[in-house]
Amino acid sequence: MNPTKEQIQGLWEQCVSGNILRDLLIDGTNSISLNNLFKYAVPKVKFLRIEKQHYPLSGDWLVTIQMYKYEIEIDDNDLALALFWAIYKALGGKE
């Protein structure tokens, strides 16, 4: 599932500010790249595990994030989207 403009903005507002935030918001969905996520969003999480799955009925990638006492698992065929959704939910975002 692709995130909405509001969801993308919500994630980046929690991770960056100033000119970097402006540039990411201008890029919109193109800002959801592994490069941007690892540079700006991953440092906000406590624990991150990424696994390549080999199950036919699930996504190719499983991303697990631990924030405080919560653990979030997201699977998707697109690693960048799986990472986006896991971090988004870990930081309190709603679908």
PDB file of N, CA and C in Angstrom:
ATOM      1  N   MET A   1       0.844  -1.177   0.000  1.00  0.00           N
ATOM      2  CA  MET A   1       0.000   0.000   0.000  1.00  0.00           C
ATOM      3  C   MET A   1       0.893   1.245   0.000  1.00  0.00           C
ATOM      4  N   ASN A   2       0.596   2.163  -0.874  1.00  0.00           N
ATOM      5  CA  ASN A   2       1.356   3.405  -0.935  1.00  0.00           C
ATOM      6  C   ASN A   2       0.834   4.401   0.092  1.00  0.00           C
ATOM      7  N   PRO A   3       1.734   5.115   0.756  1.00  0.00           N
ATOM      8  CA  PRO A   3       1.305   6.101   1.744  1.00  0.00           C
ATOM      9  C   PRO A   3       0.732   7.347   1.075  1.00  0.00           C
ATOM     10  N   THR A   4      -0.124   8.028   1.812  1.00  0.00           N
ATOM     11  CA  THR A   4      -0.676   9.287   1.329  1.00  0.00           C
ATOM     12  C   THR A   4       0.346  10.404   1.534  1.00  0.00           C
ATOM     13  N   LYS A   5       0.071  11.532   0.921  1.00  0.00           N
ATOM     14  CA  LYS A   5       0.935  12.707   1.086  1.00  0.00           C
ATOM     15  C   LYS A   5       1.024  13.094   2.568  1.00  0.00           C
ATOM     16  N   GLU A   6      -0.090  12.995   3.271  1.00  0.00           N
ATOM     17  CA  GLU A   6      -0.124  13.350   4.691  1.00  0.00           C
ATOM     18  C   GLU A   6       0.719  12.388   5.526  1.00  0.00           C
ATOM     19  N   GLN A   7       0.681  11.094   5.188  1.00  0.00           N
ATOM     20  CA  GLN A   7       1.478  10.110   5.921  1.00  0.00           C
ATOM     21  C   GLN A   7       2.970  10.329   5.682  1.00  0.00           C
ATOM     22  N   ILE A   8       3.337  10.629   4.449  1.00  0.00           N
ATOM     23  CA  ILE A   8       4.740  10.912   4.138  1.00  0.00           C
ATOM     24  C   ILE A   8       5.196  12.149   4.910  1.00  0.00           C
ATOM     25  N   GLN A   9       4.376  13.187   4.880  1.00  0.00           N
ATOM     26  CA  GLN A   9       4.708  14.414   5.601  1.00  0.00           C
ATOM     27  C   GLN A   9       4.829  14.144   7.097  1.00  0.00           C
ATOM     28  N   GLY A  10       3.920  13.331   7.639  1.00  0.00           N
ATOM     29  CA  GLY A  10       3.952  13.012   9.063  1.00  0.00           C
ATOM     30  C   GLY A  10       5.243  12.331   9.481  1.00  0.00           C
ATOM     31  N   LEU A  11       5.725  11.413   8.661  1.00  0.00           N
ATOM     32  CA  LEU A  11       6.986  10.733   8.993  1.00  0.00           C
ATOM     33  C   LEU A  11       8.150  11.710   8.947  1.00  0.00           C
ATOM     34  N   TRP A  12       8.271  12.441   7.834  1.00  0.00           N
ATOM     35  CA  TRP A  12       9.433  13.328   7.695  1.00  0.00           C
ATOM     36  C   TRP A  12       9.432  14.450   8.717  1.00  0.00           C
ATOM     37  N   GLU A  13       8.265  14.924   9.132  1.00  0.00           N
ATOM     38  CA  GLU A  13       8.224  15.982  10.151  1.00  0.00           C
ATOM     39  C   GLU A  13       8.763  15.494  11.491  1.00  0.00           C
ATOM     40  N   GLN A  14       8.679  14.197  11.757  1.00  0.00           N
ATOM     41  CA  GLN A  14       9.213  13.646  13.000  1.00  0.00           C
ATOM     42  C   GLN A  14      10.718  13.383  12.923  1.00  0.00           C
ATOM     43  N   CYS A  15      11.253  13.394  11.710  1.00  0.00           N
ATOM     44  CA  CYS A  15      12.657  13.001  11.534  1.00  0.00           C
ATOM     45  C   CYS A  15      13.588  14.151  11.178  1.00  0.00           C
ATOM     46  N   VAL A  16      13.097  15.146  10.464  1.00  0.00           N
ATOM     47  CA  VAL A  16      13.965  16.234   9.996  1.00  0.00           C
ATOM     48  C   VAL A  16      13.234  17.563  10.069  1.00  0.00           C
ATOM     49  N   SER A  17      13.957  18.641   9.818  1.00  0.00           N
ATOM     50  CA  SER A  17      13.341  19.963   9.799  1.00  0.00           C
ATOM     51  C   SER A  17      14.071  20.834   8.779  1.00  0.00           C
ATOM     52  N   GLY A  18      13.630  22.060   8.654  1.00  0.00           N
ATOM     53  CA  GLY A  18      14.292  23.040   7.798  1.00  0.00           C
ATOM     54  C   GLY A  18      14.299  22.681   6.325  1.00  0.00           C
ATOM     55  N   ASN A  19      15.402  22.977   5.677  1.00  0.00           N
ATOM     56  CA  ASN A  19      15.526  22.762   4.237  1.00  0.00           C
ATOM     57  C   ASN A  19      15.435  21.290   3.852  1.00  0.00           C
ATOM     58  N   ILE A  20      15.929  20.416   4.699  1.00  0.00           N
ATOM     59  CA  ILE A  20      15.848  18.978   4.398  1.00  0.00           C
ATOM     60  C   ILE A  20      14.391  18.549   4.351  1.00  0.00           C
ATOM     61  N   LEU A  21      13.600  18.996   5.323  1.00  0.00           N
ATOM     62  CA  LEU A  21      12.170  18.674   5.335  1.00  0.00           C
ATOM     63  C   LEU A  21      11.506  19.225   4.081  1.00  0.00           C
ATOM     64  N   ARG A  22      11.776  20.448   3.738  1.00  0.00           N
ATOM     65  CA  ARG A  22      11.184  21.054   2.542  1.00  0.00           C
ATOM     66  C   ARG A  22      11.510  20.238   1.292  1.00  0.00           C
ATOM     67  N   ASP A  23      12.777  19.852   1.142  1.00  0.00           N
ATOM     68  CA  ASP A  23      13.188  19.085  -0.039  1.00  0.00           C
ATOM     69  C   ASP A  23      12.502  17.723  -0.094  1.00  0.00           C
ATOM     70  N   LEU A  24      12.394  17.052   1.055  1.00  0.00           N
ATOM     71  CA  LEU A  24      11.741  15.741   1.086  1.00  0.00           C
ATOM     72  C   LEU A  24      10.259  15.859   0.749  1.00  0.00           C
ATOM     73  N   LEU A  25       9.602  16.908   1.233  1.00  0.00           N
ATOM     74  CA  LEU A  25       8.177  17.089   0.956  1.00  0.00           C
ATOM     75  C   LEU A  25       7.941  17.449  -0.503  1.00  0.00           C
ATOM     76  N   ILE A  26       8.862  18.181  -1.102  1.00  0.00           N
ATOM     77  CA  ILE A  26       8.746  18.492  -2.532  1.00  0.00           C
ATOM     78  C   ILE A  26       8.848  17.210  -3.351  1.00  0.00           C
ATOM     79  N   ASP A  27       9.737  16.299  -2.932  1.00  0.00           N
ATOM     80  CA  ASP A  27       9.909  15.027  -3.648  1.00  0.00           C
ATOM     81  C   ASP A  27       8.715  14.094  -3.482  1.00  0.00           C
ATOM     82  N   GLY A  28       7.920  14.281  -2.433  1.00  0.00           N
ATOM     83  CA  GLY A  28       6.725  13.460  -2.213  1.00  0.00           C
ATOM     84  C   GLY A  28       7.046  11.981  -2.119  1.00  0.00           C
ATOM     85  N   THR A  29       6.339  11.163  -2.910  1.00  0.00           N
ATOM     86  CA  THR A  29       6.554   9.711  -2.824  1.00  0.00           C
ATOM     87  C   THR A  29       7.953   9.317  -3.257  1.00  0.00           C
ATOM     88  N   ASN A  30       8.609  10.133  -4.063  1.00  0.00           N
ATOM     89  CA  ASN A  30       9.991   9.835  -4.447  1.00  0.00           C
ATOM     90  C   ASN A  30      10.952   9.947  -3.270  1.00  0.00           C
ATOM     91  N   SER A  31      10.515  10.592  -2.177  1.00  0.00           N
ATOM     92  CA  SER A  31      11.373  10.721  -1.001  1.00  0.00           C
ATOM     93  C   SER A  31      11.470   9.412  -0.224  1.00  0.00           C
ATOM     94  N   ILE A  32      10.589   8.451  -0.529  1.00  0.00           N
ATOM     95  CA  ILE A  32      10.619   7.165   0.169  1.00  0.00           C
ATOM     96  C   ILE A  32      11.616   6.258  -0.547  1.00  0.00           C
ATOM     97  N   SER A  33      12.871   6.525  -0.303  1.00  0.00           N
ATOM     98  CA  SER A  33      13.940   5.698  -0.855  1.00  0.00           C
ATOM     99  C   SER A  33      14.721   5.107   0.307  1.00  0.00           C
ATOM    100  N   LEU A  34      15.405   4.015   0.053  1.00  0.00           N
ATOM    101  CA  LEU A  34      16.219   3.423   1.116  1.00  0.00           C
ATOM    102  C   LEU A  34      17.269   4.412   1.598  1.00  0.00           C
ATOM    103  N   ASN A  35      17.836   5.177   0.681  1.00  0.00           N
ATOM    104  CA  ASN A  35      18.848   6.156   1.051  1.00  0.00           C
ATOM    105  C   ASN A  35      18.285   7.166   2.054  1.00  0.00           C
ATOM    106  N   ASN A  36      17.151   7.779   1.738  1.00  0.00           N
ATOM    107  CA  ASN A  36      16.545   8.770   2.638  1.00  0.00           C
ATOM    108  C   ASN A  36      16.095   8.143   3.949  1.00  0.00           C
ATOM    109  N   LEU A  37      15.493   6.967   3.878  1.00  0.00           N
ATOM    110  CA  LEU A  37      15.006   6.319   5.096  1.00  0.00           C
ATOM    111  C   LEU A  37      16.157   5.992   6.049  1.00  0.00           C
ATOM    112  N   PHE A  38      17.244   5.429   5.520  1.00  0.00           N
ATOM    113  CA  PHE A  38      18.375   5.097   6.390  1.00  0.00           C
ATOM    114  C   PHE A  38      19.091   6.347   6.890  1.00  0.00           C
ATOM    115  N   LYS A  39      19.114   7.393   6.102  1.00  0.00           N
ATOM    116  CA  LYS A  39      19.806   8.617   6.494  1.00  0.00           C
ATOM    117  C   LYS A  39      19.036   9.396   7.556  1.00  0.00           C
ATOM    118  N   TYR A  40      17.710   9.488   7.415  1.00  0.00           N
ATOM    119  CA  TYR A  40      16.927  10.373   8.281  1.00  0.00           C
ATOM    120  C   TYR A  40      15.993   9.672   9.260  1.00  0.00           C
ATOM    121  N   ALA A  41      15.426   8.522   8.902  1.00  0.00           N
ATOM    122  CA  ALA A  41      14.391   7.913   9.738  1.00  0.00           C
ATOM    123  C   ALA A  41      14.912   6.776  10.611  1.00  0.00           C
ATOM    124  N   VAL A  42      15.763   5.932  10.078  1.00  0.00           N
ATOM    125  CA  VAL A  42      16.256   4.782  10.844  1.00  0.00           C
ATOM    126  C   VAL A  42      16.933   5.206  12.147  1.00  0.00           C
ATOM    127  N   PRO A  43      17.696   6.308  12.183  1.00  0.00           N
ATOM    128  CA  PRO A  43      18.303   6.702  13.462  1.00  0.00           C
ATOM    129  C   PRO A  43      17.289   7.005  14.573  1.00  0.00           C
ATOM    130  N   LYS A  44      16.018   7.165  14.239  1.00  0.00           N
ATOM    131  CA  LYS A  44      14.982   7.453  15.235  1.00  0.00           C
ATOM    132  C   LYS A  44      14.463   6.201  15.932  1.00  0.00           C
ATOM    133  N   VAL A  45      14.804   5.013  15.426  1.00  0.00           N
ATOM    134  CA  VAL A  45      14.273   3.786  16.023  1.00  0.00           C
ATOM    135  C   VAL A  45      15.322   3.132  16.912  1.00  0.00           C
ATOM    136  N   LYS A  46      14.835   2.324  17.839  1.00  0.00           N
ATOM    137  CA  LYS A  46      15.713   1.687  18.816  1.00  0.00           C
ATOM    138  C   LYS A  46      16.358   0.416  18.260  1.00  0.00           C
ATOM    139  N   PHE A  47      15.594  -0.385  17.560  1.00  0.00           N
ATOM    140  CA  PHE A  47      16.072  -1.662  17.050  1.00  0.00           C
ATOM    141  C   PHE A  47      15.442  -1.898  15.687  1.00  0.00           C
ATOM    142  N   LEU A  48      16.245  -2.362  14.748  1.00  0.00           N
ATOM    143  CA  LEU A  48      15.749  -2.624  13.400  1.00  0.00           C
ATOM    144  C   LEU A  48      16.323  -3.935  12.906  1.00  0.00           C
ATOM    145  N   ARG A  49      15.451  -4.780  12.371  1.00  0.00           N
ATOM    146  CA  ARG A  49      15.892  -6.036  11.749  1.00  0.00           C
ATOM    147  C   ARG A  49      15.185  -6.158  10.405  1.00  0.00           C
ATOM    148  N   ILE A  50      15.959  -6.445   9.375  1.00  0.00           N
ATOM    149  CA  ILE A  50      15.407  -6.635   8.035  1.00  0.00           C
ATOM    150  C   ILE A  50      15.765  -8.041   7.581  1.00  0.00           C
ATOM    151  N   GLU A  51      14.752  -8.792   7.150  1.00  0.00           N
ATOM    152  CA  GLU A  51      14.967 -10.166   6.707  1.00  0.00           C
ATOM    153  C   GLU A  51      14.370 -10.376   5.325  1.00  0.00           C
ATOM    154  N   LYS A  52      15.073 -11.113   4.510  1.00  0.00           N
ATOM    155  CA  LYS A  52      14.539 -11.556   3.217  1.00  0.00           C
ATOM    156  C   LYS A  52      13.742 -12.823   3.504  1.00  0.00           C
ATOM    157  N   GLN A  53      12.468 -12.821   3.129  1.00  0.00           N
ATOM    158  CA  GLN A  53      11.597 -13.971   3.390  1.00  0.00           C
ATOM    159  C   GLN A  53      11.493 -14.867   2.156  1.00  0.00           C
ATOM    160  N   HIS A  54      11.145 -16.087   2.416  1.00  0.00           N
ATOM    161  CA  HIS A  54      10.970 -17.046   1.328  1.00  0.00           C
ATOM    162  C   HIS A  54       9.632 -17.770   1.469  1.00  0.00           C
ATOM    163  N   TYR A  55       8.606 -17.018   1.862  1.00  0.00           N
ATOM    164  CA  TYR A  55       7.280 -17.590   2.028  1.00  0.00           C
ATOM    165  C   TYR A  55       6.399 -17.126   0.881  1.00  0.00           C
ATOM    166  N   PRO A  56       5.717 -18.012   0.207  1.00  0.00           N
ATOM    167  CA  PRO A  56       4.953 -17.618  -0.978  1.00  0.00           C
ATOM    168  C   PRO A  56       3.749 -16.714  -0.702  1.00  0.00           C
ATOM    169  N   LEU A  57       3.214 -16.725   0.487  1.00  0.00           N
ATOM    170  CA  LEU A  57       1.996 -15.954   0.757  1.00  0.00           C
ATOM    171  C   LEU A  57       2.248 -14.627   1.453  1.00  0.00           C
ATOM    172  N   SER A  58       3.498 -14.243   1.623  1.00  0.00           N
ATOM    173  CA  SER A  58       3.787 -12.973   2.280  1.00  0.00           C
ATOM    174  C   SER A  58       4.706 -12.147   1.396  1.00  0.00           C
ATOM    175  N   GLY A  59       5.011 -10.940   1.855  1.00  0.00           N
ATOM    176  CA  GLY A  59       5.915 -10.082   1.104  1.00  0.00           C
ATOM    177  C   GLY A  59       7.330 -10.630   1.122  1.00  0.00           C
ATOM    178  N   ASP A  60       8.140 -10.123   0.232  1.00  0.00           N
ATOM    179  CA  ASP A  60       9.527 -10.575   0.132  1.00  0.00           C
ATOM    180  C   ASP A  60      10.372 -10.131   1.318  1.00  0.00           C
ATOM    181  N   TRP A  61      10.031  -9.002   1.919  1.00  0.00           N
ATOM    182  CA  TRP A  61      10.843  -8.424   2.987  1.00  0.00           C
ATOM    183  C   TRP A  61      10.046  -8.320   4.283  1.00  0.00           C
ATOM    184  N   LEU A  62      10.678  -8.658   5.388  1.00  0.00           N
ATOM    185  CA  LEU A  62      10.083  -8.490   6.711  1.00  0.00           C
ATOM    186  C   LEU A  62      10.936  -7.484   7.468  1.00  0.00           C
ATOM    187  N   VAL A  63      10.322  -6.396   7.895  1.00  0.00           N
ATOM    188  CA  VAL A  63      11.011  -5.377   8.674  1.00  0.00           C
ATOM    189  C   VAL A  63      10.434  -5.406  10.079  1.00  0.00           C
ATOM    190  N   THR A  64      11.294  -5.552  11.067  1.00  0.00           N
ATOM    191  CA  THR A  64      10.887  -5.548  12.469  1.00  0.00           C
ATOM    192  C   THR A  64      11.548  -4.368  13.154  1.00  0.00           C
ATOM    193  N   ILE A  65      10.753  -3.583  13.849  1.00  0.00           N
ATOM    194  CA  ILE A  65      11.257  -2.428  14.586  1.00  0.00           C
ATOM    195  C   ILE A  65      10.769  -2.533  16.014  1.00  0.00           C
ATOM    196  N   GLN A  66      11.655  -2.252  16.942  1.00  0.00           N
ATOM    197  CA  GLN A  66      11.282  -2.226  18.351  1.00  0.00           C
ATOM    198  C   GLN A  66      11.426  -0.795  18.849  1.00  0.00           C
ATOM    199  N   MET A  67      10.360  -0.277  19.410  1.00  0.00           N
ATOM    200  CA  MET A  67      10.371   1.053  20.019  1.00  0.00           C
ATOM    201  C   MET A  67       9.833   0.894  21.433  1.00  0.00           C
ATOM    202  N   TYR A  68      10.684   1.147  22.384  1.00  0.00           N
ATOM    203  CA  TYR A  68      10.324   1.001  23.781  1.00  0.00           C
ATOM    204  C   TYR A  68       9.820  -0.422  24.014  1.00  0.00           C
ATOM    205  N   LYS A  69       8.580  -0.603  24.422  1.00  0.00           N
ATOM    206  CA  LYS A  69       8.089  -1.963  24.666  1.00  0.00           C
ATOM    207  C   LYS A  69       7.288  -2.519  23.501  1.00  0.00           C
ATOM    208  N   TYR A  70       7.172  -1.762  22.419  1.00  0.00           N
ATOM    209  CA  TYR A  70       6.385  -2.193  21.269  1.00  0.00           C
ATOM    210  C   TYR A  70       7.281  -2.791  20.198  1.00  0.00           C
ATOM    211  N   GLU A  71       6.744  -3.790  19.507  1.00  0.00           N
ATOM    212  CA  GLU A  71       7.444  -4.360  18.372  1.00  0.00           C
ATOM    213  C   GLU A  71       6.489  -4.350  17.187  1.00  0.00           C
ATOM    214  N   ILE A  72       6.978  -3.865  16.070  1.00  0.00           N
ATOM    215  CA  ILE A  72       6.160  -3.736  14.869  1.00  0.00           C
ATOM    216  C   ILE A  72       6.788  -4.564  13.771  1.00  0.00           C
ATOM    217  N   GLU A  73       5.990  -5.377  13.103  1.00  0.00           N
ATOM    218  CA  GLU A  73       6.469  -6.157  11.973  1.00  0.00           C
ATOM    219  C   GLU A  73       5.637  -5.825  10.751  1.00  0.00           C
ATOM    220  N   ILE A  74       6.306  -5.543   9.666  1.00  0.00           N
ATOM    221  CA  ILE A  74       5.645  -5.217   8.401  1.00  0.00           C
ATOM    222  C   ILE A  74       6.291  -6.065   7.326  1.00  0.00           C
ATOM    223  N   ASP A  75       5.474  -6.674   6.464  1.00  0.00           N
ATOM    224  CA  ASP A  75       6.060  -7.359   5.315  1.00  0.00           C
ATOM    225  C   ASP A  75       5.501  -6.760   4.034  1.00  0.00           C
ATOM    226  N   ASP A  76       6.349  -6.703   3.026  1.00  0.00           N
ATOM    227  CA  ASP A  76       5.981  -6.092   1.745  1.00  0.00           C
ATOM    228  C   ASP A  76       6.960  -6.588   0.702  1.00  0.00           C
ATOM    229  N   ASN A  77       6.565  -6.507  -0.558  1.00  0.00           N
ATOM    230  CA  ASN A  77       7.476  -6.874  -1.637  1.00  0.00           C
ATOM    231  C   ASN A  77       8.478  -5.764  -1.925  1.00  0.00           C
ATOM    232  N   ASP A  78       8.186  -4.546  -1.508  1.00  0.00           N
ATOM    233  CA  ASP A  78       9.065  -3.399  -1.709  1.00  0.00           C
ATOM    234  C   ASP A  78       9.718  -3.064  -0.367  1.00  0.00           C
ATOM    235  N   LEU A  79      11.035  -3.232  -0.275  1.00  0.00           N
ATOM    236  CA  LEU A  79      11.730  -3.009   0.988  1.00  0.00           C
ATOM    237  C   LEU A  79      11.570  -1.573   1.477  1.00  0.00           C
ATOM    238  N   ALA A  80      11.647  -0.596   0.593  1.00  0.00           N
ATOM    239  CA  ALA A  80      11.511   0.799   1.015  1.00  0.00           C
ATOM    240  C   ALA A  80      10.134   1.053   1.631  1.00  0.00           C
ATOM    241  N   LEU A  81       9.082   0.505   1.030  1.00  0.00           N
ATOM    242  CA  LEU A  81       7.736   0.685   1.596  1.00  0.00           C
ATOM    243  C   LEU A  81       7.588  -0.053   2.924  1.00  0.00           C
ATOM    244  N   ALA A  82       8.132  -1.251   3.017  1.00  0.00           N
ATOM    245  CA  ALA A  82       8.071  -1.983   4.284  1.00  0.00           C
ATOM    246  C   ALA A  82       8.777  -1.200   5.383  1.00  0.00           C
ATOM    247  N   LEU A  83       9.942  -0.655   5.069  1.00  0.00           N
ATOM    248  CA  LEU A  83      10.689   0.140   6.044  1.00  0.00           C
ATOM    249  C   LEU A  83       9.932   1.414   6.394  1.00  0.00           C
ATOM    250  N   PHE A  84       9.361   2.094   5.398  1.00  0.00           N
ATOM    251  CA  PHE A  84       8.564   3.300   5.658  1.00  0.00           C
ATOM    252  C   PHE A  84       7.440   2.986   6.641  1.00  0.00           C
ATOM    253  N   TRP A  85       6.629   1.947   6.339  1.00  0.00           N
ATOM    254  CA  TRP A  85       5.469   1.652   7.185  1.00  0.00           C
ATOM    255  C   TRP A  85       5.876   1.226   8.590  1.00  0.00           C
ATOM    256  N   ALA A  86       6.944   0.472   8.719  1.00  0.00           N
ATOM    257  CA  ALA A  86       7.378   0.052  10.054  1.00  0.00           C
ATOM    258  C   ALA A  86       7.813   1.262  10.877  1.00  0.00           C
ATOM    259  N   ILE A  87       8.594   2.149  10.286  1.00  0.00           N
ATOM    260  CA  ILE A  87       9.042   3.346  11.020  1.00  0.00           C
ATOM    261  C   ILE A  87       7.866   4.267  11.283  1.00  0.00           C
ATOM    262  N   TYR A  88       7.011   4.454  10.311  1.00  0.00           N
ATOM    263  CA  TYR A  88       5.833   5.302  10.468  1.00  0.00           C
ATOM    264  C   TYR A  88       4.991   4.834  11.662  1.00  0.00           C
ATOM    265  N   LYS A  89       4.729   3.549  11.721  1.00  0.00           N
ATOM    266  CA  LYS A  89       3.922   3.013  12.833  1.00  0.00           C
ATOM    267  C   LYS A  89       4.679   3.075  14.152  1.00  0.00           C
ATOM    268  N   ALA A  90       5.989   2.827  14.116  1.00  0.00           N
ATOM    269  CA  ALA A  90       6.786   2.881  15.341  1.00  0.00           C
ATOM    270  C   ALA A  90       6.801   4.278  15.946  1.00  0.00           C
ATOM    271  N   LEU A  91       6.752   5.285  15.098  1.00  0.00           N
ATOM    272  CA  LEU A  91       6.751   6.667  15.569  1.00  0.00           C
ATOM    273  C   LEU A  91       5.339   7.178  15.868  1.00  0.00           C
ATOM    274  N   GLY A  92       4.349   6.294  15.839  1.00  0.00           N
ATOM    275  CA  GLY A  92       3.005   6.652  16.249  1.00  0.00           C
ATOM    276  C   GLY A  92       2.045   6.991  15.148  1.00  0.00           C
ATOM    277  N   GLY A  93       2.424   6.765  13.893  1.00  0.00           N
ATOM    278  CA  GLY A  93       1.552   7.077  12.770  1.00  0.00           C
ATOM    279  C   GLY A  93       0.371   6.126  12.682  1.00  0.00           C
ATOM    280  N   LYS A  94      -0.716   6.636  12.182  1.00  0.00           N
ATOM    281  CA  LYS A  94      -1.932   5.838  11.990  1.00  0.00           C
ATOM    282  C   LYS A  94      -2.165   5.621  10.501  1.00  0.00           C
ATOM    283  N   GLU A  95      -2.751   4.478  10.157  1.00  0.00           N
ATOM    284  CA  GLU A  95      -3.061   4.201   8.743  1.00  0.00           C
ATOM    285  C   GLU A  95      -4.249   5.000   8.287  1.00  0.00           C
TER     286      GLU A  95
END
